[in-house]
């Protein structure tokens, strides 16, 4: 179960990073 928690944390972190990059791309396109 501990391994599953670590994997879930890693996946969530990557999703957050992807969302941040997407927002930056959108902001760049607007400007």
N, C-alpha and C. Protein backbone atom coordinates (compact mmCIF):
# COMPACT_ATOMS: atom_id res chain seq x y z
N UNK A 1 0.83 -1.21 0.00
CA UNK A 1 0.00 0.00 0.00
C UNK A 1 0.87 1.26 0.00
N UNK A 2 2.00 1.20 0.68
CA UNK A 2 2.88 2.38 0.72
C UNK A 2 3.36 2.74 -0.68
N UNK A 3 3.67 1.71 -1.46
CA UNK A 3 4.15 1.96 -2.83
C UNK A 3 3.06 2.66 -3.63
N UNK A 4 1.81 2.23 -3.46
CA UNK A 4 0.70 2.84 -4.20
C UNK A 4 0.58 4.32 -3.83
N UNK A 5 0.79 4.64 -2.56
CA UNK A 5 0.71 6.05 -2.14
C UNK A 5 1.80 6.87 -2.82
N UNK A 6 3.00 6.32 -2.88
CA UNK A 6 4.11 7.04 -3.52
C UNK A 6 3.83 7.26 -5.00
N UNK A 7 3.30 6.23 -5.66
CA UNK A 7 2.98 6.36 -7.08
C UNK A 7 1.90 7.42 -7.28
N UNK A 8 0.89 7.41 -6.43
CA UNK A 8 -0.19 8.39 -6.56
C UNK A 8 0.35 9.80 -6.38
N UNK A 9 1.28 9.98 -5.44
CA UNK A 9 1.88 11.30 -5.22
C UNK A 9 2.63 11.76 -6.46
N UNK A 10 3.40 10.85 -7.05
CA UNK A 10 4.19 11.18 -8.24
C UNK A 10 3.28 11.56 -9.40
N UNK A 11 2.21 10.78 -9.59
CA UNK A 11 1.27 11.08 -10.68
C UNK A 11 0.62 12.44 -10.46
N UNK A 12 0.20 12.71 -9.24
CA UNK A 12 -0.44 14.00 -8.94
C UNK A 12 0.53 15.15 -9.19
N UNK A 13 1.79 14.97 -8.80
CA UNK A 13 2.78 16.03 -8.99
C UNK A 13 2.98 16.32 -10.48
N UNK A 14 3.03 15.26 -11.28
CA UNK A 14 3.21 15.46 -12.73
C UNK A 14 2.00 16.14 -13.34
N UNK A 15 0.81 15.81 -12.85
CA UNK A 15 -0.40 16.44 -13.38
C UNK A 15 -0.39 17.93 -13.06
N UNK A 16 0.05 18.28 -11.85
CA UNK A 16 0.12 19.69 -11.46
C UNK A 16 1.13 20.42 -12.33
N UNK A 17 2.30 19.80 -12.55
CA UNK A 17 3.33 20.43 -13.39
C UNK A 17 2.79 20.63 -14.81
N UNK A 18 2.06 19.65 -15.32
CA UNK A 18 1.50 19.76 -16.66
C UNK A 18 0.49 20.89 -16.74
N UNK A 19 -0.32 21.05 -15.69
CA UNK A 19 -1.31 22.12 -15.67
C UNK A 19 -0.63 23.48 -15.64
N UNK A 20 0.44 23.60 -14.86
CA UNK A 20 1.17 24.87 -14.78
C UNK A 20 1.75 25.22 -16.14
N UNK A 21 2.33 24.23 -16.82
CA UNK A 21 2.91 24.49 -18.15
C UNK A 21 1.82 24.91 -19.12
N UNK A 22 0.66 24.28 -19.06
CA UNK A 22 -0.44 24.62 -19.96
C UNK A 22 -0.89 26.05 -19.73
N UNK A 23 -0.99 26.46 -18.47
CA UNK A 23 -1.40 27.83 -18.15
C UNK A 23 -0.38 28.82 -18.69
N UNK A 24 0.91 28.51 -18.53
CA UNK A 24 1.95 29.40 -19.04
C UNK A 24 1.86 29.53 -20.56
N UNK A 25 1.58 28.42 -21.25
CA UNK A 25 1.47 28.47 -22.71
C UNK A 25 0.28 29.34 -23.11
N UNK A 26 -0.83 29.21 -22.40
CA UNK A 26 -2.02 30.01 -22.71
C UNK A 26 -1.72 31.49 -22.46
N UNK A 27 -1.08 31.80 -21.34
CA UNK A 27 -0.74 33.19 -21.05
C UNK A 27 0.18 33.75 -22.12
N UNK A 28 1.13 32.95 -22.56
CA UNK A 28 2.06 33.38 -23.60
C UNK A 28 1.33 33.64 -24.91
N UNK A 29 0.33 32.82 -25.21
CA UNK A 29 -0.42 32.99 -26.46
C UNK A 29 -1.27 34.26 -26.40
N UNK A 30 -1.81 34.56 -25.22
CA UNK A 30 -2.65 35.76 -25.06
C UNK A 30 -1.81 37.01 -25.26
N UNK A 31 -0.60 37.00 -24.72
CA UNK A 31 0.28 38.16 -24.87
C UNK A 31 0.89 38.11 -26.25
